[in-house]
Amino acid sequence: MNQKLNKKIVMQYNEEFQAIYKKSRVFTNRYIVMHVEYNSRNRFNHRVGFAAGKKLGNAVMRNRIKRILREVYRKNKINVKADCCILLVGRIGAVQ
């Protein structure tokens, strides 16, 4: 049951991330920051992105956080509307 995310929906370009950062609604908690944009006229369809800043630690730790975020999304993607873009950003609380 090892299902990978569809590569077409995963954000990989800086312009996609910056567009979400500028126009999105933000939801935070101790572990993650979630940026959500409902795109009625946006050029991006349903997209998802994962990020972890350098404050979280070395590359091994940042990649671990992104793997956890991908798994969280994969298990909950049936609850996500088809017309929204989501950016999940790991926080320092997720490291500990």
PDB file of N, CA and C in Angstrom:
ATOM      1  N   MET A   1       0.813  -1.183   0.000  1.00  0.00           N
ATOM      2  CA  MET A   1       0.000   0.000   0.000  1.00  0.00           C
ATOM      3  C   MET A   1       0.861   1.254   0.000  1.00  0.00           C
ATOM      4  N   ASN A   2       2.040   1.159  -0.563  1.00  0.00           N
ATOM      5  CA  ASN A   2       2.927   2.307  -0.642  1.00  0.00           C
ATOM      6  C   ASN A   2       2.516   3.159  -1.840  1.00  0.00           C
ATOM      7  N   GLN A   3       1.644   4.138  -1.603  1.00  0.00           N
ATOM      8  CA  GLN A   3       1.172   4.995  -2.673  1.00  0.00           C
ATOM      9  C   GLN A   3       1.963   6.284  -2.668  1.00  0.00           C
ATOM     10  N   LYS A   4       2.498   6.637  -3.829  1.00  0.00           N
ATOM     11  CA  LYS A   4       3.217   7.894  -3.949  1.00  0.00           C
ATOM     12  C   LYS A   4       2.251   8.988  -4.368  1.00  0.00           C
ATOM     13  N   LEU A   5       2.656  10.234  -4.115  1.00  0.00           N
ATOM     14  CA  LEU A   5       1.875  11.366  -4.573  1.00  0.00           C
ATOM     15  C   LEU A   5       2.071  11.537  -6.071  1.00  0.00           C
ATOM     16  N   ASN A   6       1.040  11.991  -6.726  1.00  0.00           N
ATOM     17  CA  ASN A   6       1.116  12.269  -8.145  1.00  0.00           C
ATOM     18  C   ASN A   6       2.065  13.446  -8.362  1.00  0.00           C
ATOM     19  N   LYS A   7       3.066  13.278  -9.200  1.00  0.00           N
ATOM     20  CA  LYS A   7       4.059  14.330  -9.417  1.00  0.00           C
ATOM     21  C   LYS A   7       3.446  15.590 -10.014  1.00  0.00           C
ATOM     22  N   LYS A   8       2.329  15.465 -10.680  1.00  0.00           N
ATOM     23  CA  LYS A   8       1.700  16.625 -11.301  1.00  0.00           C
ATOM     24  C   LYS A   8       1.123  17.596 -10.281  1.00  0.00           C
ATOM     25  N   ILE A   9       0.785  17.129  -9.103  1.00  0.00           N
ATOM     26  CA  ILE A   9       0.176  18.023  -8.122  1.00  0.00           C
ATOM     27  C   ILE A   9       1.175  18.585  -7.127  1.00  0.00           C
ATOM     28  N   VAL A  10       2.390  18.081  -7.086  1.00  0.00           N
ATOM     29  CA  VAL A  10       3.380  18.557  -6.118  1.00  0.00           C
ATOM     30  C   VAL A  10       4.086  19.792  -6.663  1.00  0.00           C
ATOM     31  N   MET A  11       4.085  20.854  -5.867  1.00  0.00           N
ATOM     32  CA  MET A  11       4.767  22.091  -6.262  1.00  0.00           C
ATOM     33  C   MET A  11       6.267  21.873  -6.247  1.00  0.00           C
ATOM     34  N   GLN A  12       6.941  22.431  -7.262  1.00  0.00           N
ATOM     35  CA  GLN A  12       8.390  22.302  -7.269  1.00  0.00           C
ATOM     36  C   GLN A  12       9.102  23.578  -7.693  1.00  0.00           C
ATOM     37  N   TYR A  13       8.357  24.586  -8.132  1.00  0.00           N
ATOM     38  CA  TYR A  13       8.982  25.830  -8.587  1.00  0.00           C
ATOM     39  C   TYR A  13       8.749  26.948  -7.575  1.00  0.00           C
ATOM     40  N   ASN A  14       9.740  27.804  -7.464  1.00  0.00           N
ATOM     41  CA  ASN A  14       9.692  28.902  -6.509  1.00  0.00           C
ATOM     42  C   ASN A  14       8.495  29.819  -6.762  1.00  0.00           C
ATOM     43  N   GLU A  15       8.144  30.056  -8.010  1.00  0.00           N
ATOM     44  CA  GLU A  15       7.018  30.946  -8.312  1.00  0.00           C
ATOM     45  C   GLU A  15       5.706  30.398  -7.768  1.00  0.00           C
ATOM     46  N   GLU A  16       5.556  29.087  -7.758  1.00  0.00           N
ATOM     47  CA  GLU A  16       4.350  28.486  -7.194  1.00  0.00           C
ATOM     48  C   GLU A  16       4.301  28.708  -5.688  1.00  0.00           C
ATOM     49  N   PHE A  17       5.421  28.495  -5.016  1.00  0.00           N
ATOM     50  CA  PHE A  17       5.478  28.702  -3.571  1.00  0.00           C
ATOM     51  C   PHE A  17       5.212  30.164  -3.225  1.00  0.00           C
ATOM     52  N   GLN A  18       5.829  31.085  -3.966  1.00  0.00           N
ATOM     53  CA  GLN A  18       5.665  32.512  -3.672  1.00  0.00           C
ATOM     54  C   GLN A  18       4.228  32.966  -3.905  1.00  0.00           C
ATOM     55  N   ALA A  19       3.572  32.430  -4.919  1.00  0.00           N
ATOM     56  CA  ALA A  19       2.173  32.784  -5.174  1.00  0.00           C
ATOM     57  C   ALA A  19       1.282  32.341  -4.021  1.00  0.00           C
ATOM     58  N   ILE A  20       1.542  31.177  -3.481  1.00  0.00           N
ATOM     59  CA  ILE A  20       0.753  30.690  -2.354  1.00  0.00           C
ATOM     60  C   ILE A  20       1.041  31.522  -1.106  1.00  0.00           C
ATOM     61  N   TYR A  21       2.311  31.831  -0.851  1.00  0.00           N
ATOM     62  CA  TYR A  21       2.663  32.650   0.308  1.00  0.00           C
ATOM     63  C   TYR A  21       1.947  33.994   0.278  1.00  0.00           C
ATOM     64  N   LYS A  22       1.820  34.605  -0.884  1.00  0.00           N
ATOM     65  CA  LYS A  22       1.248  35.950  -0.986  1.00  0.00           C
ATOM     66  C   LYS A  22      -0.266  35.981  -0.834  1.00  0.00           C
ATOM     67  N   LYS A  23      -0.960  34.998  -1.377  1.00  0.00           N
ATOM     68  CA  LYS A  23      -2.418  35.082  -1.495  1.00  0.00           C
ATOM     69  C   LYS A  23      -3.192  34.141  -0.585  1.00  0.00           C
ATOM     70  N   SER A  24      -2.536  33.400   0.253  1.00  0.00           N
ATOM     71  CA  SER A  24      -3.223  32.327   0.961  1.00  0.00           C
ATOM     72  C   SER A  24      -3.721  32.739   2.335  1.00  0.00           C
ATOM     73  N   ARG A  25      -4.629  31.935   2.847  1.00  0.00           N
ATOM     74  CA  ARG A  25      -5.026  32.019   4.252  1.00  0.00           C
ATOM     75  C   ARG A  25      -4.073  31.110   5.012  1.00  0.00           C
ATOM     76  N   VAL A  26      -3.737  31.516   6.234  1.00  0.00           N
ATOM     77  CA  VAL A  26      -2.732  30.788   7.001  1.00  0.00           C
ATOM     78  C   VAL A  26      -3.361  30.200   8.262  1.00  0.00           C
ATOM     79  N   PHE A  27      -3.075  28.924   8.489  1.00  0.00           N
ATOM     80  CA  PHE A  27      -3.494  28.240   9.701  1.00  0.00           C
ATOM     81  C   PHE A  27      -2.235  27.690  10.361  1.00  0.00           C
ATOM     82  N   THR A  28      -2.081  27.938  11.650  1.00  0.00           N
ATOM     83  CA  THR A  28      -0.858  27.503  12.330  1.00  0.00           C
ATOM     84  C   THR A  28      -1.190  26.703  13.578  1.00  0.00           C
ATOM     85  N   ASN A  29      -0.256  25.887  13.934  1.00  0.00           N
ATOM     86  CA  ASN A  29      -0.239  25.275  15.252  1.00  0.00           C
ATOM     87  C   ASN A  29       1.214  25.063  15.634  1.00  0.00           C
ATOM     88  N   ARG A  30       1.451  24.298  16.643  1.00  0.00           N
ATOM     89  CA  ARG A  30       2.804  24.126  17.158  1.00  0.00           C
ATOM     90  C   ARG A  30       3.730  23.402  16.185  1.00  0.00           C
ATOM     91  N   TYR A  31       3.159  22.575  15.331  1.00  0.00           N
ATOM     92  CA  TYR A  31       3.961  21.691  14.497  1.00  0.00           C
ATOM     93  C   TYR A  31       4.081  22.120  13.040  1.00  0.00           C
ATOM     94  N   ILE A  32       3.024  22.701  12.490  1.00  0.00           N
ATOM     95  CA  ILE A  32       3.064  23.073  11.072  1.00  0.00           C
ATOM     96  C   ILE A  32       2.396  24.430  10.852  1.00  0.00           C
ATOM     97  N   VAL A  33       2.700  25.001   9.707  1.00  0.00           N
ATOM     98  CA  VAL A  33       1.991  26.162   9.178  1.00  0.00           C
ATOM     99  C   VAL A  33       1.370  25.695   7.876  1.00  0.00           C
ATOM    100  N   MET A  34       0.077  25.920   7.722  1.00  0.00           N
ATOM    101  CA  MET A  34      -0.616  25.480   6.515  1.00  0.00           C
ATOM    102  C   MET A  34      -1.147  26.703   5.779  1.00  0.00           C
ATOM    103  N   HIS A  35      -0.678  26.894   4.555  1.00  0.00           N
ATOM    104  CA  HIS A  35      -1.155  27.966   3.692  1.00  0.00           C
ATOM    105  C   HIS A  35      -2.155  27.346   2.724  1.00  0.00           C
ATOM    106  N   VAL A  36      -3.358  27.923   2.666  1.00  0.00           N
ATOM    107  CA  VAL A  36      -4.407  27.387   1.797  1.00  0.00           C
ATOM    108  C   VAL A  36      -4.913  28.507   0.909  1.00  0.00           C
ATOM    109  N   GLU A  37      -4.979  28.227  -0.381  1.00  0.00           N
ATOM    110  CA  GLU A  37      -5.541  29.173  -1.341  1.00  0.00           C
ATOM    111  C   GLU A  37      -6.589  28.463  -2.172  1.00  0.00           C
ATOM    112  N   TYR A  38      -7.790  29.016  -2.164  1.00  0.00           N
ATOM    113  CA  TYR A  38      -8.844  28.483  -3.020  1.00  0.00           C
ATOM    114  C   TYR A  38      -8.751  29.209  -4.344  1.00  0.00           C
ATOM    115  N   ASN A  39      -8.475  28.485  -5.393  1.00  0.00           N
ATOM    116  CA  ASN A  39      -8.207  29.117  -6.678  1.00  0.00           C
ATOM    117  C   ASN A  39      -9.407  28.992  -7.599  1.00  0.00           C
ATOM    118  N   SER A  40     -10.119  30.080  -7.704  1.00  0.00           N
ATOM    119  CA  SER A  40     -11.220  30.118  -8.662  1.00  0.00           C
ATOM    120  C   SER A  40     -10.706  30.512 -10.043  1.00  0.00           C
ATOM    121  N   ARG A  41      -9.761  31.478 -10.067  1.00  0.00           N
ATOM    122  CA  ARG A  41      -9.201  31.910 -11.347  1.00  0.00           C
ATOM    123  C   ARG A  41      -7.691  31.713 -11.396  1.00  0.00           C
ATOM    124  N   ASN A  42      -7.139  31.011 -10.447  1.00  0.00           N
ATOM    125  CA  ASN A  42      -5.687  30.837 -10.386  1.00  0.00           C
ATOM    126  C   ASN A  42      -5.222  29.932 -11.526  1.00  0.00           C
ATOM    127  N   ARG A  43      -4.002  30.139 -11.958  1.00  0.00           N
ATOM    128  CA  ARG A  43      -3.486  29.318 -13.057  1.00  0.00           C
ATOM    129  C   ARG A  43      -3.095  27.922 -12.597  1.00  0.00           C
ATOM    130  N   PHE A  44      -2.979  27.722 -11.304  1.00  0.00           N
ATOM    131  CA  PHE A  44      -2.645  26.397 -10.782  1.00  0.00           C
ATOM    132  C   PHE A  44      -3.926  25.665 -10.405  1.00  0.00           C
ATOM    133  N   ASN A  45      -4.000  24.402 -10.726  1.00  0.00           N
ATOM    134  CA  ASN A  45      -5.104  23.579 -10.261  1.00  0.00           C
ATOM    135  C   ASN A  45      -4.753  23.092  -8.867  1.00  0.00           C
ATOM    136  N   HIS A  46      -5.352  22.012  -8.451  1.00  0.00           N
ATOM    137  CA  HIS A  46      -5.051  21.467  -7.130  1.00  0.00           C
ATOM    138  C   HIS A  46      -3.559  21.165  -7.033  1.00  0.00           C
ATOM    139  N   ARG A  47      -2.885  21.828  -6.108  1.00  0.00           N
ATOM    140  CA  ARG A  47      -1.449  21.661  -5.937  1.00  0.00           C
ATOM    141  C   ARG A  47      -1.156  21.537  -4.454  1.00  0.00           C
ATOM    142  N   VAL A  48      -0.062  20.880  -4.147  1.00  0.00           N
ATOM    143  CA  VAL A  48       0.378  20.752  -2.765  1.00  0.00           C
ATOM    144  C   VAL A  48       1.892  20.915  -2.725  1.00  0.00           C
ATOM    145  N   GLY A  49       2.366  21.583  -1.680  1.00  0.00           N
ATOM    146  CA  GLY A  49       3.796  21.795  -1.520  1.00  0.00           C
ATOM    147  C   GLY A  49       4.219  21.525  -0.089  1.00  0.00           C
ATOM    148  N   PHE A  50       5.469  21.174   0.074  1.00  0.00           N
ATOM    149  CA  PHE A  50       6.019  20.853   1.384  1.00  0.00           C
ATOM    150  C   PHE A  50       7.313  21.623   1.557  1.00  0.00           C
ATOM    151  N   ALA A  51       7.493  22.246   2.725  1.00  0.00           N
ATOM    152  CA  ALA A  51       8.691  23.043   2.947  1.00  0.00           C
ATOM    153  C   ALA A  51       9.155  22.879   4.386  1.00  0.00           C
ATOM    154  N   ALA A  52      10.457  23.043   4.558  1.00  0.00           N
ATOM    155  CA  ALA A  52      11.072  23.020   5.890  1.00  0.00           C
ATOM    156  C   ALA A  52      12.267  23.958   5.831  1.00  0.00           C
ATOM    157  N   GLY A  53      12.260  24.977   6.672  1.00  0.00           N
ATOM    158  CA  GLY A  53      13.328  25.969   6.658  1.00  0.00           C
ATOM    159  C   GLY A  53      14.593  25.484   7.327  1.00  0.00           C
ATOM    160  N   LYS A  54      15.651  26.240   7.156  1.00  0.00           N
ATOM    161  CA  LYS A  54      16.949  25.853   7.702  1.00  0.00           C
ATOM    162  C   LYS A  54      17.010  25.936   9.221  1.00  0.00           C
ATOM    163  N   LYS A  55      16.061  26.625   9.831  1.00  0.00           N
ATOM    164  CA  LYS A  55      16.023  26.698  11.295  1.00  0.00           C
ATOM    165  C   LYS A  55      15.744  25.334  11.929  1.00  0.00           C
ATOM    166  N   LEU A  56      15.200  24.416  11.155  1.00  0.00           N
ATOM    167  CA  LEU A  56      14.834  23.107  11.689  1.00  0.00           C
ATOM    168  C   LEU A  56      16.027  22.187  11.879  1.00  0.00           C
ATOM    169  N   GLY A  57      17.137  22.489  11.252  1.00  0.00           N
ATOM    170  CA  GLY A  57      18.309  21.643  11.420  1.00  0.00           C
ATOM    171  C   GLY A  57      18.983  21.361  10.094  1.00  0.00           C
ATOM    172  N   ASN A  58      19.745  20.288  10.092  1.00  0.00           N
ATOM    173  CA  ASN A  58      20.496  19.944   8.882  1.00  0.00           C
ATOM    174  C   ASN A  58      19.572  19.322   7.828  1.00  0.00           C
ATOM    175  N   ALA A  59      20.132  18.975   6.692  1.00  0.00           N
ATOM    176  CA  ALA A  59      19.341  18.462   5.571  1.00  0.00           C
ATOM    177  C   ALA A  59      18.616  17.168   5.923  1.00  0.00           C
ATOM    178  N   VAL A  60      19.225  16.342   6.733  1.00  0.00           N
ATOM    179  CA  VAL A  60      18.591  15.083   7.130  1.00  0.00           C
ATOM    180  C   VAL A  60      17.303  15.363   7.900  1.00  0.00           C
ATOM    181  N   MET A  61      17.357  16.300   8.831  1.00  0.00           N
ATOM    182  CA  MET A  61      16.184  16.631   9.638  1.00  0.00           C
ATOM    183  C   MET A  61      15.104  17.298   8.781  1.00  0.00           C
ATOM    184  N   ARG A  62      15.504  18.202   7.892  1.00  0.00           N
ATOM    185  CA  ARG A  62      14.518  18.873   7.033  1.00  0.00           C
ATOM    186  C   ARG A  62      13.830  17.874   6.107  1.00  0.00           C
ATOM    187  N   ASN A  63      14.585  16.947   5.549  1.00  0.00           N
ATOM    188  CA  ASN A  63      13.980  15.930   4.688  1.00  0.00           C
ATOM    189  C   ASN A  63      13.058  15.011   5.466  1.00  0.00           C
ATOM    190  N   ARG A  64      13.398  14.722   6.709  1.00  0.00           N
ATOM    191  CA  ARG A  64      12.533  13.891   7.554  1.00  0.00           C
ATOM    192  C   ARG A  64      11.205  14.586   7.800  1.00  0.00           C
ATOM    193  N   ILE A  65      11.266  15.885   8.096  1.00  0.00           N
ATOM    194  CA  ILE A  65      10.044  16.654   8.319  1.00  0.00           C
ATOM    195  C   ILE A  65       9.180  16.656   7.053  1.00  0.00           C
ATOM    196  N   LYS A  66       9.803  16.845   5.895  1.00  0.00           N
ATOM    197  CA  LYS A  66       9.035  16.859   4.646  1.00  0.00           C
ATOM    198  C   LYS A  66       8.428  15.487   4.355  1.00  0.00           C
ATOM    199  N   ARG A  67       9.122  14.415   4.691  1.00  0.00           N
ATOM    200  CA  ARG A  67       8.551  13.074   4.518  1.00  0.00           C
ATOM    201  C   ARG A  67       7.320  12.903   5.396  1.00  0.00           C
ATOM    202  N   ILE A  68       7.400  13.396   6.628  1.00  0.00           N
ATOM    203  CA  ILE A  68       6.258  13.301   7.551  1.00  0.00           C
ATOM    204  C   ILE A  68       5.086  14.113   7.005  1.00  0.00           C
ATOM    205  N   LEU A  69       5.365  15.319   6.505  1.00  0.00           N
ATOM    206  CA  LEU A  69       4.301  16.159   5.950  1.00  0.00           C
ATOM    207  C   LEU A  69       3.659  15.508   4.732  1.00  0.00           C
ATOM    208  N   ARG A  70       4.456  14.879   3.884  1.00  0.00           N
ATOM    209  CA  ARG A  70       3.902  14.174   2.714  1.00  0.00           C
ATOM    210  C   ARG A  70       2.987  13.033   3.143  1.00  0.00           C
ATOM    211  N   GLU A  71       3.386  12.318   4.185  1.00  0.00           N
ATOM    212  CA  GLU A  71       2.569  11.214   4.675  1.00  0.00           C
ATOM    213  C   GLU A  71       1.262  11.724   5.278  1.00  0.00           C
ATOM    214  N   VAL A  72       1.315  12.822   6.013  1.00  0.00           N
ATOM    215  CA  VAL A  72       0.103  13.423   6.571  1.00  0.00           C
ATOM    216  C   VAL A  72      -0.847  13.812   5.453  1.00  0.00           C
ATOM    217  N   TYR A  73      -0.315  14.440   4.411  1.00  0.00           N
ATOM    218  CA  TYR A  73      -1.162  14.821   3.278  1.00  0.00           C
ATOM    219  C   TYR A  73      -1.734  13.584   2.587  1.00  0.00           C
ATOM    220  N   ARG A  74      -0.899  12.589   2.353  1.00  0.00           N
ATOM    221  CA  ARG A  74      -1.347  11.391   1.637  1.00  0.00           C
ATOM    222  C   ARG A  74      -2.515  10.725   2.356  1.00  0.00           C
ATOM    223  N   LYS A  75      -2.449  10.674   3.684  1.00  0.00           N
ATOM    224  CA  LYS A  75      -3.514  10.014   4.441  1.00  0.00           C
ATOM    225  C   LYS A  75      -4.784  10.857   4.536  1.00  0.00           C
ATOM    226  N   ASN A  76      -4.685  12.159   4.293  1.00  0.00           N
ATOM    227  CA  ASN A  76      -5.835  13.045   4.433  1.00  0.00           C
ATOM    228  C   ASN A  76      -6.268  13.703   3.133  1.00  0.00           C
ATOM    229  N   LYS A  77      -5.743  13.273   2.000  1.00  0.00           N
ATOM    230  CA  LYS A  77      -6.060  13.953   0.745  1.00  0.00           C
ATOM    231  C   LYS A  77      -7.502  13.769   0.305  1.00  0.00           C
ATOM    232  N   ILE A  78      -8.196  12.779   0.813  1.00  0.00           N
ATOM    233  CA  ILE A  78      -9.608  12.630   0.454  1.00  0.00           C
ATOM    234  C   ILE A  78     -10.454  13.743   1.060  1.00  0.00           C
ATOM    235  N   ASN A  79      -9.944  14.417   2.098  1.00  0.00           N
ATOM    236  CA  ASN A  79     -10.667  15.506   2.743  1.00  0.00           C
ATOM    237  C   ASN A  79     -10.371  16.868   2.124  1.00  0.00           C
ATOM    238  N   VAL A  80      -9.512  16.921   1.114  1.00  0.00           N
ATOM    239  CA  VAL A  80      -9.095  18.179   0.506  1.00  0.00           C
ATOM    240  C   VAL A  80      -9.958  18.451  -0.720  1.00  0.00           C
ATOM    241  N   LYS A  81     -10.444  19.700  -0.820  1.00  0.00           N
ATOM    242  CA  LYS A  81     -11.240  20.084  -1.983  1.00  0.00           C
ATOM    243  C   LYS A  81     -10.367  20.105  -3.232  1.00  0.00           C
ATOM    244  N   ALA A  82     -10.987  19.903  -4.364  1.00  0.00           N
ATOM    245  CA  ALA A  82     -10.240  19.798  -5.619  1.00  0.00           C
ATOM    246  C   ALA A  82      -9.748  21.136  -6.139  1.00  0.00           C
ATOM    247  N   ASP A  83     -10.271  22.241  -5.635  1.00  0.00           N
ATOM    248  CA  ASP A  83      -9.914  23.549  -6.189  1.00  0.00           C
ATOM    249  C   ASP A  83      -9.035  24.367  -5.245  1.00  0.00           C
ATOM    250  N   CYS A  84      -8.223  23.723  -4.435  1.00  0.00           N
ATOM    251  CA  CYS A  84      -7.387  24.487  -3.517  1.00  0.00           C
ATOM    252  C   CYS A  84      -5.923  24.058  -3.613  1.00  0.00           C
ATOM    253  N   CYS A  85      -5.069  25.016  -3.305  1.00  0.00           N
ATOM    254  CA  CYS A  85      -3.637  24.767  -3.237  1.00  0.00           C
ATOM    255  C   CYS A  85      -3.229  24.795  -1.776  1.00  0.00           C
ATOM    256  N   ILE A  86      -2.397  23.871  -1.378  1.00  0.00           N
ATOM    257  CA  ILE A  86      -1.974  23.768   0.018  1.00  0.00           C
ATOM    258  C   ILE A  86      -0.459  23.753   0.074  1.00  0.00           C
ATOM    259  N   LEU A  87       0.072  24.511   1.022  1.00  0.00           N
ATOM    260  CA  LEU A  87       1.502  24.506   1.287  1.00  0.00           C
ATOM    261  C   LEU A  87       1.687  24.186   2.764  1.00  0.00           C
ATOM    262  N   LEU A  88       2.354  23.089   3.055  1.00  0.00           N
ATOM    263  CA  LEU A  88       2.619  22.676   4.427  1.00  0.00           C
ATOM    264  C   LEU A  88       4.069  22.991   4.762  1.00  0.00           C
ATOM    265  N   VAL A  89       4.263  23.748   5.836  1.00  0.00           N
ATOM    266  CA  VAL A  89       5.599  24.156   6.250  1.00  0.00           C
ATOM    267  C   VAL A  89       5.830  23.613   7.657  1.00  0.00           C
ATOM    268  N   GLY A  90       6.923  22.869   7.820  1.00  0.00           N
ATOM    269  CA  GLY A  90       7.263  22.307   9.124  1.00  0.00           C
ATOM    270  C   GLY A  90       7.777  23.374  10.073  1.00  0.00           C
ATOM    271  N   ARG A  91       7.482  23.211  11.360  1.00  0.00           N
ATOM    272  CA  ARG A  91       7.969  24.115  12.386  1.00  0.00           C
ATOM    273  C   ARG A  91       8.879  23.364  13.346  1.00  0.00           C
ATOM    274  N   ILE A  92       9.538  24.087  14.206  1.00  0.00           N
ATOM    275  CA  ILE A  92      10.516  23.509  15.116  1.00  0.00           C
ATOM    276  C   ILE A  92       9.868  22.492  16.073  1.00  0.00           C
ATOM    277  N   GLY A  93       8.589  22.661  16.386  1.00  0.00           N
ATOM    278  CA  GLY A  93       7.894  21.712  17.266  1.00  0.00           C
ATOM    279  C   GLY A  93       7.801  20.327  16.671  1.00  0.00           C
ATOM    280  N   ALA A  94       7.803  20.230  15.363  1.00  0.00           N
ATOM    281  CA  ALA A  94       7.722  18.924  14.698  1.00  0.00           C
ATOM    282  C   ALA A  94       9.021  18.145  14.806  1.00  0.00           C
ATOM    283  N   VAL A  95      10.108  18.836  15.060  1.00  0.00           N
ATOM    284  CA  VAL A  95      11.413  18.182  15.155  1.00  0.00           C
ATOM    285  C   VAL A  95      11.521  17.389  16.446  1.00  0.00           C
ATOM    286  N   GLN A  96      10.978  17.934  17.519  1.00  0.00           N
ATOM    287  CA  GLN A  96      11.158  17.319  18.841  1.00  0.00           C
ATOM    288  C   GLN A  96      10.170  16.231  19.139  1.00  0.00           C
TER     289      GLN A  96
END
